[in-house]
């Protein structure tokens, strides 16, 4: 689900009254009616921080956040991707509460040109960030090498 306004996050998605798991909607062919309910919450979490290479900020870093663990057997789709400012600062808002892993790259090109499986390995080794409703955490990241 995309296009959710600032200050909200998708809390749950239900198909025919049942919560869907791992982002998969199990279509029920015999059902006479198909209903999809999207539940929003107004207490999103956020991650703020800076990307530094030793003692210098990384200008306009590309930061990727994934709710952890990712669904098994599915393609990894980041929950958020943001570009930081010239001082390496970034903010990822409107996140659902839970555990996240965050990786910083020097630019979006590093993500596009990365070797297969590199992002997944970097995320698996990344620091755990636990967010509760309405909570934010401030972190410092070093850029990861994805080649």
N, C-alpha and C. Protein backbone atom coordinates (compact mmCIF):
# COMPACT_ATOMS: atom_id res chain seq x y z
N UNK A 1 0.86 -1.17 0.00
CA UNK A 1 0.00 0.00 0.00
C UNK A 1 0.90 1.22 0.00
N UNK A 2 0.69 2.13 -0.93
CA UNK A 2 1.48 3.35 -0.99
C UNK A 2 0.54 4.55 -0.99
N UNK A 3 1.10 5.73 -0.84
CA UNK A 3 0.32 6.95 -0.88
C UNK A 3 -0.35 7.31 0.43
N UNK A 4 0.05 6.64 1.50
CA UNK A 4 -0.50 6.95 2.82
C UNK A 4 0.09 8.29 3.25
N UNK A 5 -0.75 9.19 3.70
CA UNK A 5 -0.31 10.53 4.06
C UNK A 5 0.65 10.56 5.23
N UNK A 6 1.34 11.68 5.37
CA UNK A 6 2.28 11.88 6.47
C UNK A 6 1.55 11.75 7.79
N UNK A 7 2.21 11.13 8.74
CA UNK A 7 1.62 10.96 10.06
C UNK A 7 0.82 9.69 10.23
N UNK A 8 0.82 8.81 9.22
CA UNK A 8 0.07 7.55 9.28
C UNK A 8 0.95 6.41 8.77
N UNK A 9 0.58 5.19 9.15
CA UNK A 9 1.20 4.00 8.59
C UNK A 9 0.13 2.93 8.46
N UNK A 10 0.38 1.94 7.60
CA UNK A 10 -0.55 0.84 7.43
C UNK A 10 -0.35 -0.13 8.59
N UNK A 11 -1.37 -0.23 9.42
CA UNK A 11 -1.31 -1.10 10.59
C UNK A 11 -1.65 -2.54 10.22
N UNK A 12 -2.63 -2.71 9.34
CA UNK A 12 -3.07 -4.05 8.97
C UNK A 12 -3.85 -3.99 7.67
N UNK A 13 -3.77 -5.08 6.91
CA UNK A 13 -4.59 -5.24 5.71
C UNK A 13 -5.36 -6.54 5.90
N UNK A 14 -6.69 -6.47 5.64
CA UNK A 14 -7.55 -7.65 5.80
C UNK A 14 -8.25 -7.96 4.49
N UNK A 15 -8.33 -9.24 4.19
CA UNK A 15 -9.06 -9.71 3.02
C UNK A 15 -10.19 -10.61 3.52
N UNK A 16 -11.40 -10.26 3.17
CA UNK A 16 -12.60 -11.00 3.63
C UNK A 16 -12.58 -11.20 5.14
N UNK A 17 -12.15 -10.17 5.87
CA UNK A 17 -12.17 -10.19 7.33
C UNK A 17 -10.95 -10.77 8.00
N UNK A 18 -10.09 -11.47 7.27
CA UNK A 18 -8.90 -12.08 7.86
C UNK A 18 -7.65 -11.28 7.54
N UNK A 19 -6.78 -11.13 8.54
CA UNK A 19 -5.52 -10.39 8.33
C UNK A 19 -4.64 -11.14 7.34
N UNK A 20 -4.07 -10.41 6.39
CA UNK A 20 -3.15 -11.06 5.46
C UNK A 20 -1.76 -11.07 6.07
N UNK A 21 -1.04 -12.12 5.83
CA UNK A 21 0.30 -12.31 6.38
C UNK A 21 1.33 -12.20 5.28
N UNK A 22 2.45 -11.60 5.62
CA UNK A 22 3.61 -11.50 4.73
C UNK A 22 3.27 -10.86 3.38
N UNK A 23 2.25 -9.99 3.37
CA UNK A 23 1.94 -9.22 2.17
C UNK A 23 1.29 -10.00 1.04
N UNK A 24 0.82 -11.21 1.32
CA UNK A 24 0.20 -12.03 0.27
C UNK A 24 -1.30 -12.10 0.50
N UNK A 25 -2.08 -11.72 -0.51
CA UNK A 25 -3.54 -11.79 -0.43
C UNK A 25 -3.97 -13.12 -1.04
N UNK A 26 -4.48 -14.05 -0.21
CA UNK A 26 -4.92 -15.35 -0.73
C UNK A 26 -6.33 -15.25 -1.32
N UNK A 27 -6.44 -15.10 -2.61
CA UNK A 27 -7.74 -14.93 -3.26
C UNK A 27 -8.58 -16.19 -3.07
N UNK A 28 -9.80 -15.98 -2.59
CA UNK A 28 -10.73 -17.08 -2.34
C UNK A 28 -11.73 -17.14 -3.48
N UNK A 29 -11.52 -18.02 -4.42
CA UNK A 29 -12.38 -18.11 -5.60
C UNK A 29 -13.85 -18.35 -5.27
N UNK A 30 -14.18 -19.24 -4.29
CA UNK A 30 -15.61 -19.50 -4.05
C UNK A 30 -16.36 -18.34 -3.39
N UNK A 31 -15.65 -17.32 -2.90
CA UNK A 31 -16.32 -16.21 -2.22
C UNK A 31 -17.20 -15.43 -3.17
N UNK A 32 -18.40 -15.12 -2.72
CA UNK A 32 -19.33 -14.32 -3.52
C UNK A 32 -18.93 -12.85 -3.47
N UNK A 33 -18.34 -12.44 -2.35
CA UNK A 33 -17.93 -11.05 -2.16
C UNK A 33 -16.46 -11.04 -1.78
N UNK A 34 -15.72 -10.11 -2.34
CA UNK A 34 -14.32 -9.94 -1.99
C UNK A 34 -14.17 -8.55 -1.37
N UNK A 35 -13.69 -8.51 -0.12
CA UNK A 35 -13.51 -7.20 0.50
C UNK A 35 -12.07 -7.05 0.98
N UNK A 36 -11.56 -5.87 0.82
CA UNK A 36 -10.21 -5.54 1.26
C UNK A 36 -10.32 -4.35 2.21
N UNK A 37 -9.79 -4.52 3.41
CA UNK A 37 -9.84 -3.46 4.42
C UNK A 37 -8.41 -3.07 4.77
N UNK A 38 -8.12 -1.78 4.71
CA UNK A 38 -6.80 -1.27 5.06
C UNK A 38 -6.95 -0.43 6.31
N UNK A 39 -6.27 -0.84 7.38
CA UNK A 39 -6.37 -0.17 8.67
C UNK A 39 -5.13 0.72 8.83
N UNK A 40 -5.36 2.01 9.07
CA UNK A 40 -4.27 2.96 9.29
C UNK A 40 -4.15 3.29 10.77
N UNK A 41 -2.96 3.71 11.19
CA UNK A 41 -2.73 4.15 12.56
C UNK A 41 -2.05 5.50 12.50
N UNK A 42 -2.35 6.36 13.49
CA UNK A 42 -1.78 7.71 13.50
C UNK A 42 -0.62 7.86 14.49
N UNK A 43 0.04 6.75 14.83
CA UNK A 43 1.21 6.82 15.71
C UNK A 43 2.40 6.14 15.05
N UNK A 44 2.85 6.69 13.90
CA UNK A 44 3.97 6.05 13.21
C UNK A 44 5.28 6.25 13.97
N UNK A 45 6.22 5.40 13.66
CA UNK A 45 7.57 5.51 14.20
C UNK A 45 8.47 6.15 13.15
N UNK A 46 9.68 6.54 13.55
CA UNK A 46 10.61 7.16 12.60
C UNK A 46 12.05 6.84 12.99
N UNK A 47 12.91 6.90 11.99
CA UNK A 47 14.35 6.75 12.20
C UNK A 47 15.00 7.99 11.63
N UNK A 48 15.84 8.64 12.42
CA UNK A 48 16.62 9.78 11.95
C UNK A 48 18.08 9.44 12.17
N UNK A 49 18.94 10.15 11.48
CA UNK A 49 20.35 9.88 11.71
C UNK A 49 21.26 10.58 10.73
N UNK A 50 22.51 10.11 10.72
CA UNK A 50 23.53 10.67 9.86
C UNK A 50 24.40 9.52 9.35
N UNK A 51 24.89 9.68 8.12
CA UNK A 51 25.81 8.71 7.54
C UNK A 51 27.18 9.35 7.51
N UNK A 52 28.16 8.67 8.13
CA UNK A 52 29.53 9.20 8.23
C UNK A 52 30.51 8.15 7.77
N UNK A 53 31.51 8.58 7.04
CA UNK A 53 32.63 7.73 6.65
C UNK A 53 33.79 8.16 7.52
N UNK A 54 34.04 7.39 8.57
CA UNK A 54 34.97 7.74 9.64
C UNK A 54 34.49 9.04 10.28
N UNK A 55 35.20 10.15 10.11
CA UNK A 55 34.77 11.39 10.77
C UNK A 55 34.12 12.40 9.82
N UNK A 56 33.91 12.01 8.55
CA UNK A 56 33.33 12.93 7.58
C UNK A 56 31.92 12.50 7.18
N UNK A 57 30.98 13.45 7.09
CA UNK A 57 29.63 13.10 6.64
C UNK A 57 29.65 12.70 5.16
N UNK A 58 28.80 11.77 4.79
CA UNK A 58 28.65 11.35 3.40
C UNK A 58 27.54 12.20 2.78
N UNK A 59 27.89 12.96 1.75
CA UNK A 59 26.93 13.86 1.11
C UNK A 59 25.87 13.07 0.34
N UNK A 60 24.62 13.36 0.61
CA UNK A 60 23.46 12.77 -0.04
C UNK A 60 23.50 11.23 -0.06
N UNK A 61 23.61 10.62 1.12
CA UNK A 61 23.62 9.15 1.17
C UNK A 61 22.25 8.58 0.81
N UNK A 62 22.25 7.34 0.40
CA UNK A 62 21.03 6.61 0.07
C UNK A 62 20.83 5.60 1.18
N UNK A 63 19.73 5.72 1.92
CA UNK A 63 19.49 4.89 3.10
C UNK A 63 18.28 3.99 2.84
N UNK A 64 18.46 2.70 3.13
CA UNK A 64 17.44 1.69 2.89
C UNK A 64 17.05 1.07 4.24
N UNK A 65 15.73 0.99 4.51
CA UNK A 65 15.22 0.38 5.74
C UNK A 65 14.29 -0.78 5.37
N UNK A 66 14.44 -1.89 6.12
CA UNK A 66 13.60 -3.07 5.89
C UNK A 66 13.09 -3.57 7.23
N UNK A 67 11.77 -3.82 7.30
CA UNK A 67 11.21 -4.43 8.50
C UNK A 67 11.74 -5.85 8.58
N UNK A 68 12.18 -6.24 9.78
CA UNK A 68 12.89 -7.51 9.93
C UNK A 68 12.12 -8.48 10.80
N UNK A 69 12.14 -9.74 10.50
CA UNK A 69 12.74 -10.37 9.32
C UNK A 69 11.84 -10.19 8.10
N UNK A 70 12.44 -10.20 6.92
CA UNK A 70 11.62 -10.08 5.71
C UNK A 70 10.82 -11.37 5.49
N UNK A 71 9.72 -11.30 4.73
CA UNK A 71 8.94 -12.50 4.47
C UNK A 71 9.78 -13.57 3.76
N UNK A 72 9.67 -14.80 4.22
CA UNK A 72 10.44 -15.91 3.63
C UNK A 72 9.94 -16.22 2.23
N UNK A 73 10.89 -16.51 1.35
CA UNK A 73 10.55 -16.94 0.00
C UNK A 73 10.05 -15.84 -0.92
N UNK A 74 10.20 -14.59 -0.52
CA UNK A 74 9.76 -13.48 -1.36
C UNK A 74 10.95 -12.59 -1.70
N UNK A 75 10.79 -11.83 -2.76
CA UNK A 75 11.81 -10.85 -3.14
C UNK A 75 11.85 -9.77 -2.07
N UNK A 76 13.05 -9.37 -1.67
CA UNK A 76 13.22 -8.33 -0.66
C UNK A 76 12.80 -6.97 -1.23
N UNK A 77 11.80 -6.37 -0.62
CA UNK A 77 11.34 -5.05 -1.01
C UNK A 77 11.50 -4.13 0.20
N UNK A 78 12.39 -3.13 0.11
CA UNK A 78 12.57 -2.23 1.25
C UNK A 78 11.29 -1.50 1.62
N UNK A 79 11.13 -1.26 2.93
CA UNK A 79 9.99 -0.50 3.43
C UNK A 79 10.18 0.98 3.18
N UNK A 80 11.43 1.42 3.10
CA UNK A 80 11.71 2.84 2.85
C UNK A 80 13.07 3.00 2.21
N UNK A 81 13.16 3.99 1.34
CA UNK A 81 14.43 4.40 0.71
C UNK A 81 14.42 5.91 0.70
N UNK A 82 15.46 6.51 1.26
CA UNK A 82 15.54 7.98 1.29
C UNK A 82 16.94 8.43 0.91
N UNK A 83 17.02 9.64 0.41
CA UNK A 83 18.31 10.28 0.12
C UNK A 83 18.52 11.35 1.18
N UNK A 84 19.67 11.32 1.83
CA UNK A 84 19.99 12.29 2.86
C UNK A 84 20.44 13.62 2.27
N UNK A 85 20.75 14.55 3.15
CA UNK A 85 21.19 15.88 2.70
C UNK A 85 22.72 15.92 2.53
N UNK A 86 23.24 17.11 2.24
CA UNK A 86 24.68 17.28 2.01
C UNK A 86 25.52 16.97 3.25
N UNK A 87 24.91 17.06 4.43
CA UNK A 87 25.62 16.79 5.69
C UNK A 87 25.46 15.32 6.13
N UNK A 88 24.84 14.50 5.28
CA UNK A 88 24.66 13.08 5.59
C UNK A 88 23.45 12.78 6.46
N UNK A 89 22.65 13.80 6.78
CA UNK A 89 21.48 13.58 7.64
C UNK A 89 20.33 13.01 6.82
N UNK A 90 19.55 12.13 7.47
CA UNK A 90 18.39 11.54 6.81
C UNK A 90 17.26 11.35 7.82
N UNK A 91 16.05 11.17 7.30
CA UNK A 91 14.88 10.88 8.12
C UNK A 91 13.99 9.91 7.37
N UNK A 92 13.57 8.85 8.07
CA UNK A 92 12.62 7.88 7.52
C UNK A 92 11.40 7.93 8.44
N UNK A 93 10.30 8.44 7.92
CA UNK A 93 9.10 8.64 8.74
C UNK A 93 8.00 7.65 8.35
N UNK A 94 6.93 7.65 9.13
CA UNK A 94 5.72 6.87 8.86
C UNK A 94 5.96 5.37 8.82
N UNK A 95 6.80 4.87 9.72
CA UNK A 95 7.07 3.44 9.80
C UNK A 95 6.14 2.76 10.79
N UNK A 96 5.78 1.52 10.48
CA UNK A 96 5.01 0.70 11.42
C UNK A 96 5.94 0.28 12.55
N UNK A 97 5.45 0.15 13.77
CA UNK A 97 6.29 -0.34 14.86
C UNK A 97 6.84 -1.73 14.53
N UNK A 98 8.00 -2.03 15.08
CA UNK A 98 8.62 -3.34 14.86
C UNK A 98 10.13 -3.22 14.77
N UNK A 99 10.76 -4.33 14.41
CA UNK A 99 12.22 -4.37 14.26
C UNK A 99 12.58 -4.04 12.82
N UNK A 100 13.61 -3.21 12.66
CA UNK A 100 14.10 -2.82 11.34
C UNK A 100 15.59 -3.04 11.25
N UNK A 101 16.06 -3.16 10.03
CA UNK A 101 17.48 -3.14 9.72
C UNK A 101 17.66 -2.02 8.69
N UNK A 102 18.74 -1.24 8.86
CA UNK A 102 18.98 -0.08 8.01
C UNK A 102 20.39 -0.13 7.48
N UNK A 103 20.53 0.15 6.18
CA UNK A 103 21.83 0.16 5.51
C UNK A 103 21.97 1.47 4.76
N UNK A 104 23.17 2.05 4.80
CA UNK A 104 23.45 3.29 4.06
C UNK A 104 24.40 2.98 2.91
N UNK A 105 24.11 3.59 1.76
CA UNK A 105 24.96 3.50 0.58
C UNK A 105 25.38 4.91 0.20
N UNK A 106 26.40 5.03 -0.59
CA UNK A 106 26.88 6.36 -0.97
C UNK A 106 25.94 7.07 -1.94
N UNK A 107 25.16 6.31 -2.73
CA UNK A 107 24.24 6.92 -3.68
C UNK A 107 23.23 5.87 -4.17
N UNK A 108 22.14 6.32 -4.80
CA UNK A 108 21.20 5.36 -5.38
C UNK A 108 21.86 4.46 -6.44
N UNK A 109 22.90 4.97 -7.09
CA UNK A 109 23.62 4.18 -8.09
C UNK A 109 24.24 2.94 -7.45
N UNK A 110 24.73 3.07 -6.22
CA UNK A 110 25.30 1.91 -5.53
C UNK A 110 24.25 0.82 -5.33
N UNK A 111 23.00 1.21 -5.14
CA UNK A 111 21.93 0.22 -4.99
C UNK A 111 21.61 -0.41 -6.34
N UNK A 112 21.50 0.39 -7.36
CA UNK A 112 21.16 -0.11 -8.69
C UNK A 112 22.24 -1.03 -9.25
N UNK A 113 23.51 -0.72 -8.98
CA UNK A 113 24.62 -1.47 -9.56
C UNK A 113 25.20 -2.54 -8.62
N UNK A 114 24.52 -2.81 -7.52
CA UNK A 114 25.06 -3.74 -6.52
C UNK A 114 25.07 -5.18 -7.02
N UNK A 115 25.96 -5.96 -6.45
CA UNK A 115 26.04 -7.38 -6.76
C UNK A 115 24.84 -8.10 -6.15
N UNK A 116 24.38 -9.18 -6.78
CA UNK A 116 23.23 -9.93 -6.25
C UNK A 116 23.49 -10.42 -4.82
N UNK A 117 22.47 -10.28 -3.98
CA UNK A 117 22.55 -10.77 -2.61
C UNK A 117 23.30 -9.87 -1.64
N UNK A 118 23.95 -8.82 -2.13
CA UNK A 118 24.75 -7.96 -1.25
C UNK A 118 23.89 -7.18 -0.26
N UNK A 119 22.76 -6.63 -0.72
CA UNK A 119 21.90 -5.87 0.17
C UNK A 119 21.35 -6.77 1.27
N UNK A 120 20.92 -7.96 0.90
CA UNK A 120 20.38 -8.90 1.88
C UNK A 120 21.42 -9.24 2.95
N UNK A 121 22.66 -9.47 2.53
CA UNK A 121 23.74 -9.79 3.48
C UNK A 121 24.05 -8.59 4.38
N UNK A 122 24.08 -7.40 3.79
CA UNK A 122 24.35 -6.19 4.58
C UNK A 122 23.25 -5.96 5.60
N UNK A 123 22.00 -6.16 5.20
CA UNK A 123 20.88 -5.98 6.13
C UNK A 123 20.91 -7.02 7.25
N UNK A 124 21.24 -8.26 6.92
CA UNK A 124 21.29 -9.31 7.93
C UNK A 124 22.36 -9.00 8.99
N UNK A 125 23.43 -8.33 8.59
CA UNK A 125 24.51 -7.99 9.51
C UNK A 125 24.32 -6.63 10.18
N UNK A 126 23.32 -5.87 9.75
CA UNK A 126 23.11 -4.52 10.26
C UNK A 126 22.57 -4.53 11.69
N UNK A 127 22.75 -3.40 12.34
CA UNK A 127 22.26 -3.20 13.71
C UNK A 127 20.73 -3.32 13.75
N UNK A 128 20.20 -3.96 14.80
CA UNK A 128 18.75 -4.06 15.00
C UNK A 128 18.25 -2.73 15.55
N UNK A 129 17.13 -2.27 15.00
CA UNK A 129 16.49 -1.05 15.49
C UNK A 129 15.05 -1.42 15.84
N UNK A 130 14.70 -1.31 17.09
CA UNK A 130 13.35 -1.66 17.56
C UNK A 130 12.57 -0.37 17.75
N UNK A 131 11.44 -0.26 17.06
CA UNK A 131 10.61 0.94 17.12
C UNK A 131 9.24 0.60 17.70
N UNK A 132 8.78 1.41 18.63
CA UNK A 132 7.42 1.26 19.16
C UNK A 132 6.56 2.37 18.56
N UNK A 133 5.26 2.29 18.75
CA UNK A 133 4.33 3.27 18.19
C UNK A 133 4.67 4.67 18.67
N UNK A 134 4.77 5.61 17.74
CA UNK A 134 5.06 7.00 18.07
C UNK A 134 6.50 7.27 18.47
N UNK A 135 7.36 6.26 18.41
CA UNK A 135 8.75 6.36 18.85
C UNK A 135 9.67 6.71 17.68
N UNK A 136 10.82 7.34 17.98
CA UNK A 136 11.83 7.52 16.94
C UNK A 136 13.19 7.21 17.54
N UNK A 137 14.10 6.81 16.67
CA UNK A 137 15.48 6.54 17.09
C UNK A 137 16.42 7.32 16.20
N UNK A 138 17.47 7.82 16.80
CA UNK A 138 18.51 8.54 16.09
C UNK A 138 19.73 7.64 16.01
N UNK A 139 20.25 7.41 14.80
CA UNK A 139 21.36 6.48 14.61
C UNK A 139 22.46 7.10 13.75
N UNK A 140 23.64 6.52 13.83
CA UNK A 140 24.75 6.89 12.95
C UNK A 140 25.14 5.65 12.17
N UNK A 141 25.26 5.80 10.84
CA UNK A 141 25.60 4.69 9.96
C UNK A 141 26.87 4.98 9.20
N UNK A 142 27.59 3.92 8.85
CA UNK A 142 28.72 4.01 7.92
C UNK A 142 28.24 3.46 6.59
N UNK A 143 28.73 4.00 5.48
CA UNK A 143 28.27 3.48 4.19
C UNK A 143 28.75 2.05 3.96
N UNK A 144 27.86 1.23 3.37
CA UNK A 144 28.18 -0.17 3.07
C UNK A 144 28.69 -0.27 1.64
N UNK A 145 29.57 -1.21 1.39
CA UNK A 145 30.09 -1.46 0.05
C UNK A 145 29.24 -2.56 -0.58
N UNK A 146 28.55 -2.26 -1.67
CA UNK A 146 27.64 -3.22 -2.28
C UNK A 146 28.20 -3.83 -3.56
N UNK A 147 29.44 -3.58 -3.86
CA UNK A 147 29.99 -4.15 -5.12
C UNK A 147 30.66 -5.44 -4.90
